[in-house]
């Protein structure tokens, strides 16, 4: 199993506002090898940080999502010159990190 983390810095107060968009029902739910997504929000002095953790069976499954039309549609930017494009983004920066799950302890009953 792998975890793909998108570490996103956003404007102060926007982490909790944006988090539900990452867990809303959508095409991601139907992709082979996808297990779950969780969003962690940290509040810092000048910004919020969201860690969007996506759990996948393997890298091939993640890459199938990453290369799909559904991924492109989910990450589409507004058309230049449109009203949406004129609005300032809450996102200050992001970084993708890949982890391999090495050990798990689950005490859920």
C-alpha atoms as a PDB file:
ATOM      1  CA  UNK A   1       0.000   0.000   0.000  1.00  0.00           C
ATOM      2  CA  UNK A   2       1.132   3.541  -0.716  1.00  0.00           C
ATOM      3  CA  UNK A   3       0.028   6.935   0.561  1.00  0.00           C
ATOM      4  CA  UNK A   4       0.184   9.940  -1.718  1.00  0.00           C
ATOM      5  CA  UNK A   5       0.170  13.159   0.322  1.00  0.00           C
ATOM      6  CA  UNK A   6      -0.609  16.500  -1.235  1.00  0.00           C
ATOM      7  CA  UNK A   7       0.705  19.026   1.289  1.00  0.00           C
ATOM      8  CA  UNK A   8      -1.125  22.265   0.533  1.00  0.00           C
ATOM      9  CA  UNK A   9      -0.521  25.652   2.165  1.00  0.00           C
ATOM     10  CA  UNK A  10      -3.650  27.819   2.083  1.00  0.00           C
ATOM     11  CA  UNK A  11      -4.656  31.206   3.390  1.00  0.00           C
ATOM     12  CA  UNK A  12      -5.389  31.401   7.108  1.00  0.00           C
ATOM     13  CA  UNK A  13      -8.854  30.011   7.910  1.00  0.00           C
ATOM     14  CA  UNK A  14      -9.296  28.248   4.559  1.00  0.00           C
ATOM     15  CA  UNK A  15      -8.155  24.725   5.526  1.00  0.00           C
ATOM     16  CA  UNK A  16     -11.412  23.726   7.195  1.00  0.00           C
ATOM     17  CA  UNK A  17     -13.408  25.443   4.441  1.00  0.00           C
ATOM     18  CA  UNK A  18     -11.629  23.576   1.612  1.00  0.00           C
ATOM     19  CA  UNK A  19     -11.228  20.152   3.270  1.00  0.00           C
ATOM     20  CA  UNK A  20     -14.718  18.748   2.480  1.00  0.00           C
ATOM     21  CA  UNK A  21     -14.139  19.192  -1.265  1.00  0.00           C
ATOM     22  CA  UNK A  22     -11.454  16.487  -1.108  1.00  0.00           C
ATOM     23  CA  UNK A  23     -13.783  13.912   0.460  1.00  0.00           C
ATOM     24  CA  UNK A  24     -16.938  14.643  -1.544  1.00  0.00           C
ATOM     25  CA  UNK A  25     -18.293  11.781  -3.695  1.00  0.00           C
ATOM     26  CA  UNK A  26     -16.803  11.727  -7.181  1.00  0.00           C
ATOM     27  CA  UNK A  27     -15.080   9.674  -9.889  1.00  0.00           C
ATOM     28  CA  UNK A  28     -12.095   8.946  -7.629  1.00  0.00           C
ATOM     29  CA  UNK A  29     -14.344   6.605  -5.618  1.00  0.00           C
ATOM     30  CA  UNK A  30     -14.596   4.182  -8.555  1.00  0.00           C
ATOM     31  CA  UNK A  31     -10.905   3.819  -9.381  1.00  0.00           C
ATOM     32  CA  UNK A  32      -9.360   0.376  -8.975  1.00  0.00           C
ATOM     33  CA  UNK A  33      -6.843   0.309  -6.136  1.00  0.00           C
ATOM     34  CA  UNK A  34      -8.163   3.395  -4.338  1.00  0.00           C
ATOM     35  CA  UNK A  35      -8.867   2.824  -0.627  1.00  0.00           C
ATOM     36  CA  UNK A  36      -9.559   6.146   1.061  1.00  0.00           C
ATOM     37  CA  UNK A  37      -8.697   9.813   1.393  1.00  0.00           C
ATOM     38  CA  UNK A  38      -8.247  11.750   4.609  1.00  0.00           C
ATOM     39  CA  UNK A  39      -7.606  15.444   5.079  1.00  0.00           C
ATOM     40  CA  UNK A  40      -5.563  16.731   8.015  1.00  0.00           C
ATOM     41  CA  UNK A  41      -5.619  20.472   8.721  1.00  0.00           C
ATOM     42  CA  UNK A  42      -2.946  22.263  10.720  1.00  0.00           C
ATOM     43  CA  UNK A  43      -3.348  25.871  11.779  1.00  0.00           C
ATOM     44  CA  UNK A  44      -0.163  27.935  11.818  1.00  0.00           C
ATOM     45  CA  UNK A  45       0.393  31.638  12.532  1.00  0.00           C
ATOM     46  CA  UNK A  46       0.331  32.835   8.923  1.00  0.00           C
ATOM     47  CA  UNK A  47      -1.407  30.022   7.004  1.00  0.00           C
ATOM     48  CA  UNK A  48      -3.251  26.718   7.255  1.00  0.00           C
ATOM     49  CA  UNK A  49      -1.728  23.507   5.975  1.00  0.00           C
ATOM     50  CA  UNK A  50      -3.781  20.651   4.572  1.00  0.00           C
ATOM     51  CA  UNK A  51      -2.304  17.193   4.177  1.00  0.00           C
ATOM     52  CA  UNK A  52      -4.544  15.333   1.746  1.00  0.00           C
ATOM     53  CA  UNK A  53      -3.614  11.654   2.173  1.00  0.00           C
ATOM     54  CA  UNK A  54      -4.773   9.266  -0.566  1.00  0.00           C
ATOM     55  CA  UNK A  55      -4.392   5.543   0.120  1.00  0.00           C
ATOM     56  CA  UNK A  56      -3.757   3.289  -2.892  1.00  0.00           C
ATOM     57  CA  UNK A  57      -3.010  -0.412  -3.328  1.00  0.00           C
ATOM     58  CA  UNK A  58      -0.011   0.377  -5.529  1.00  0.00           C
ATOM     59  CA  UNK A  59       1.660   3.042  -7.649  1.00  0.00           C
ATOM     60  CA  UNK A  60       0.127   1.686 -10.863  1.00  0.00           C
ATOM     61  CA  UNK A  61      -3.378   2.330  -9.512  1.00  0.00           C
ATOM     62  CA  UNK A  62      -2.462   5.865  -8.492  1.00  0.00           C
ATOM     63  CA  UNK A  63      -0.883   6.571 -11.889  1.00  0.00           C
ATOM     64  CA  UNK A  64      -4.042   5.329 -13.645  1.00  0.00           C
ATOM     65  CA  UNK A  65      -5.960   8.002 -11.696  1.00  0.00           C
ATOM     66  CA  UNK A  66      -3.263  10.625 -12.280  1.00  0.00           C
ATOM     67  CA  UNK A  67      -3.341  10.041 -16.049  1.00  0.00           C
ATOM     68  CA  UNK A  68      -7.138   9.874 -16.339  1.00  0.00           C
ATOM     69  CA  UNK A  69      -9.609  12.326 -17.846  1.00  0.00           C
ATOM     70  CA  UNK A  70     -11.385  12.339 -14.457  1.00  0.00           C
ATOM     71  CA  UNK A  71      -8.201  13.630 -12.767  1.00  0.00           C
ATOM     72  CA  UNK A  72      -7.772  16.342 -15.392  1.00  0.00           C
ATOM     73  CA  UNK A  73     -11.404  17.426 -14.955  1.00  0.00           C
ATOM     74  CA  UNK A  74     -11.062  17.515 -11.151  1.00  0.00           C
ATOM     75  CA  UNK A  75      -7.963  19.728 -11.393  1.00  0.00           C
ATOM     76  CA  UNK A  76      -9.075  21.962 -14.255  1.00  0.00           C
ATOM     77  CA  UNK A  77      -8.150  25.626 -13.926  1.00  0.00           C
ATOM     78  CA  UNK A  78     -10.606  28.392 -14.820  1.00  0.00           C
ATOM     79  CA  UNK A  79     -10.457  29.807 -18.350  1.00  0.00           C
ATOM     80  CA  UNK A  80      -8.176  32.865 -18.530  1.00  0.00           C
ATOM     81  CA  UNK A  81     -10.228  36.043 -18.464  1.00  0.00           C
ATOM     82  CA  UNK A  82     -13.222  34.340 -16.815  1.00  0.00           C
ATOM     83  CA  UNK A  83     -14.767  35.646 -13.610  1.00  0.00           C
ATOM     84  CA  UNK A  84     -13.437  32.559 -11.750  1.00  0.00           C
ATOM     85  CA  UNK A  85      -9.903  33.217 -13.025  1.00  0.00           C
ATOM     86  CA  UNK A  86     -10.023  36.757 -11.655  1.00  0.00           C
ATOM     87  CA  UNK A  87     -10.665  35.551  -8.111  1.00  0.00           C
ATOM     88  CA  UNK A  88      -7.572  35.197  -5.969  1.00  0.00           C
ATOM     89  CA  UNK A  89      -6.739  31.589  -5.114  1.00  0.00           C
ATOM     90  CA  UNK A  90      -6.660  30.490  -1.479  1.00  0.00           C
ATOM     91  CA  UNK A  91      -3.796  28.107  -2.319  1.00  0.00           C
ATOM     92  CA  UNK A  92      -0.343  29.451  -1.462  1.00  0.00           C
ATOM     93  CA  UNK A  93       1.624  26.393  -2.588  1.00  0.00           C
ATOM     94  CA  UNK A  94       1.657  22.608  -2.652  1.00  0.00           C
ATOM     95  CA  UNK A  95       3.958  19.610  -2.645  1.00  0.00           C
ATOM     96  CA  UNK A  96       3.288  15.938  -3.497  1.00  0.00           C
ATOM     97  CA  UNK A  97       4.965  13.296  -1.316  1.00  0.00           C
ATOM     98  CA  UNK A  98       4.808   9.518  -1.837  1.00  0.00           C
ATOM     99  CA  UNK A  99       5.077   7.085   1.065  1.00  0.00           C
ATOM    100  CA  UNK A 100       5.111   3.313   1.215  1.00  0.00           C
ATOM    101  CA  UNK A 101       3.200   1.928   4.201  1.00  0.00           C
ATOM    102  CA  UNK A 102       5.812  -0.011   6.175  1.00  0.00           C
ATOM    103  CA  UNK A 103       3.818  -0.943   9.280  1.00  0.00           C
ATOM    104  CA  UNK A 104       0.223  -0.579  10.558  1.00  0.00           C
ATOM    105  CA  UNK A 105      -1.422  -0.978  13.944  1.00  0.00           C
ATOM    106  CA  UNK A 106      -5.213  -0.784  13.860  1.00  0.00           C
ATOM    107  CA  UNK A 107      -7.155  -1.279  17.081  1.00  0.00           C
ATOM    108  CA  UNK A 108     -10.544  -0.432  15.555  1.00  0.00           C
ATOM    109  CA  UNK A 109     -13.140  -2.932  16.717  1.00  0.00           C
END
